[in-house]
């Protein structure tokens, strides 16, 4: 099915889980057949559940075998009202980074101290830590 000049939609009904096919090779073959040889800069994949084997198989199929960027999203999280803006914002940041965009810029004057001595910067998601800390404080108070 064609969406417009810049995209297309494809769907594949996956085969039921098979204990002898943990990597979901049969499902990957159905997905590859549904996509065909249509080139795409990125593909948005809406997952119906949190199946770690289908996720890993999809990432390998598109990133390694087909050379296409993918963004996988949980349909339930997109449809859920609570936390939806943050979830969609994170998906947007992933898309921007995969398409070569810049998500964050640090001003050179902010780096002046770091240039004085060898420094390693470690990134963390402060929002998650703050939320966990507040939840912990509420539970222990």
Protein backbone atom coordinates (compact mmCIF):
# COMPACT_ATOMS: atom_id res chain seq x y z
CA UNK A 1 0.00 0.00 0.00
CA UNK A 2 1.39 3.45 -0.92
CA UNK A 3 1.18 6.29 1.60
CA UNK A 4 2.63 9.01 -0.60
CA UNK A 5 5.67 9.87 -2.66
CA UNK A 6 7.95 9.49 0.36
CA UNK A 7 6.66 6.31 1.93
CA UNK A 8 4.74 3.10 1.89
CA UNK A 9 2.96 0.89 4.39
CA UNK A 10 3.42 -2.84 4.71
CA UNK A 11 2.00 -5.30 7.17
CA UNK A 12 2.74 -8.91 7.96
CA UNK A 13 0.81 -11.31 10.12
CA UNK A 14 3.45 -13.17 12.05
CA UNK A 15 3.44 -16.90 12.52
CA UNK A 16 2.75 -18.13 16.07
CA UNK A 17 5.75 -18.67 18.31
CA UNK A 18 7.48 -21.95 17.70
CA UNK A 19 9.79 -23.36 20.42
CA UNK A 20 12.04 -24.68 17.63
CA UNK A 21 12.31 -21.20 16.04
CA UNK A 22 13.34 -18.97 18.92
CA UNK A 23 14.82 -16.35 16.56
CA UNK A 24 11.48 -16.13 14.72
CA UNK A 25 13.09 -16.83 11.30
CA UNK A 26 9.70 -17.65 9.76
CA UNK A 27 8.29 -14.32 10.93
CA UNK A 28 11.35 -12.46 9.65
CA UNK A 29 10.85 -14.05 6.23
CA UNK A 30 7.21 -12.83 6.19
CA UNK A 31 8.29 -9.32 7.16
CA UNK A 32 11.02 -9.25 4.50
CA UNK A 33 8.52 -10.43 1.88
CA UNK A 34 6.02 -7.72 2.91
CA UNK A 35 8.65 -4.98 2.62
CA UNK A 36 10.09 -6.39 -0.60
CA UNK A 37 12.83 -4.38 -2.24
CA UNK A 38 11.32 -0.96 -1.52
CA UNK A 39 14.12 1.35 -0.37
CA UNK A 40 13.42 3.40 2.74
CA UNK A 41 15.45 5.82 4.87
CA UNK A 42 13.75 4.57 7.99
CA UNK A 43 10.92 2.28 8.96
CA UNK A 44 8.57 2.81 11.91
CA UNK A 45 7.58 -0.55 13.35
CA UNK A 46 4.61 -0.77 15.69
CA UNK A 47 4.92 -3.78 17.95
CA UNK A 48 1.81 -5.40 19.39
CA UNK A 49 3.61 -6.86 22.42
CA UNK A 50 6.99 -7.01 24.12
CA UNK A 51 8.41 -10.09 22.40
CA UNK A 52 12.22 -9.78 22.78
CA UNK A 53 12.83 -12.30 20.02
CA UNK A 54 10.74 -10.48 17.43
CA UNK A 55 12.39 -7.16 18.39
CA UNK A 56 15.89 -8.59 17.98
CA UNK A 57 14.94 -10.28 14.74
CA UNK A 58 13.46 -7.09 13.32
CA UNK A 59 16.51 -5.02 14.27
CA UNK A 60 18.83 -7.57 12.67
CA UNK A 61 16.71 -7.92 9.52
CA UNK A 62 16.45 -4.21 8.81
CA UNK A 63 19.70 -2.81 10.25
CA UNK A 64 22.07 -5.58 9.18
CA UNK A 65 20.46 -7.47 6.30
CA UNK A 66 18.50 -4.69 4.56
CA UNK A 67 20.52 -1.65 5.69
CA UNK A 68 17.49 0.39 6.78
CA UNK A 69 17.09 2.38 9.98
CA UNK A 70 14.24 1.24 12.18
CA UNK A 71 12.37 2.69 15.09
CA UNK A 72 10.36 0.16 17.06
CA UNK A 73 7.50 1.42 19.19
CA UNK A 74 5.10 -0.35 21.51
CA UNK A 75 1.56 0.29 20.26
CA UNK A 76 0.22 0.18 23.82
CA UNK A 77 2.57 3.00 24.88
CA UNK A 78 1.62 5.16 21.91
CA UNK A 79 -2.08 4.75 22.68
CA UNK A 80 -1.77 5.17 26.46
CA UNK A 81 -2.46 8.71 27.57
CA UNK A 82 -0.18 8.67 30.63
CA UNK A 83 3.43 9.23 29.57
CA UNK A 84 2.54 9.50 25.89
CA UNK A 85 4.14 12.94 25.26
CA UNK A 86 7.46 11.76 26.75
CA UNK A 87 7.34 8.48 24.80
CA UNK A 88 6.64 10.27 21.51
CA UNK A 89 9.35 12.82 22.27
CA UNK A 90 11.86 10.00 22.80
CA UNK A 91 10.82 8.41 19.49
CA UNK A 92 11.33 11.78 17.79
CA UNK A 93 14.82 12.11 19.28
CA UNK A 94 15.70 8.62 18.02
CA UNK A 95 14.44 9.45 14.54
CA UNK A 96 16.32 12.73 14.44
CA UNK A 97 19.58 11.08 15.52
CA UNK A 98 19.21 8.22 13.02
CA UNK A 99 18.55 10.69 10.20
CA UNK A 100 21.75 12.59 11.00
CA UNK A 101 20.25 15.40 13.06
CA UNK A 102 21.58 16.96 16.25
CA UNK A 103 19.55 16.54 19.42
CA UNK A 104 21.71 18.46 21.88
CA UNK A 105 24.43 21.09 21.63
CA UNK A 106 26.79 22.15 24.40
CA UNK A 107 28.06 25.70 24.17
CA UNK A 108 31.88 25.91 23.91
CA UNK A 109 32.17 28.15 27.00
CA UNK A 110 30.45 25.42 29.03
CA UNK A 111 33.25 23.04 28.07
CA UNK A 112 36.11 25.32 29.17
CA UNK A 113 36.64 23.50 32.48
CA UNK A 114 36.63 20.12 30.74
CA UNK A 115 39.46 21.18 28.42
CA UNK A 116 41.82 21.85 31.34
CA UNK A 117 42.30 18.22 32.40
CA UNK A 118 41.52 14.85 30.78
CA UNK A 119 37.83 14.26 31.41
CA UNK A 120 35.28 11.55 30.74
CA UNK A 121 31.60 12.47 30.53
CA UNK A 122 28.99 9.85 31.39
CA UNK A 123 25.40 10.50 30.37
CA UNK A 124 22.39 9.50 32.47
CA UNK A 125 18.68 10.05 32.17
CA UNK A 126 18.04 12.40 35.08
CA UNK A 127 14.27 12.24 34.66
CA UNK A 128 14.20 8.50 35.33
CA UNK A 129 16.52 8.84 38.33
CA UNK A 130 14.50 11.72 39.77
CA UNK A 131 11.24 9.84 39.29
CA UNK A 132 12.69 6.72 40.97
CA UNK A 133 14.12 8.79 43.85
CA UNK A 134 10.78 10.55 44.43
CA UNK A 135 8.93 7.23 44.35
CA UNK A 136 11.42 5.75 46.80
CA UNK A 137 11.10 8.74 49.15
CA UNK A 138 7.31 8.44 49.07
CA UNK A 139 7.46 4.74 49.85
CA UNK A 140 9.92 5.15 52.75
CA UNK A 141 8.37 8.27 54.28
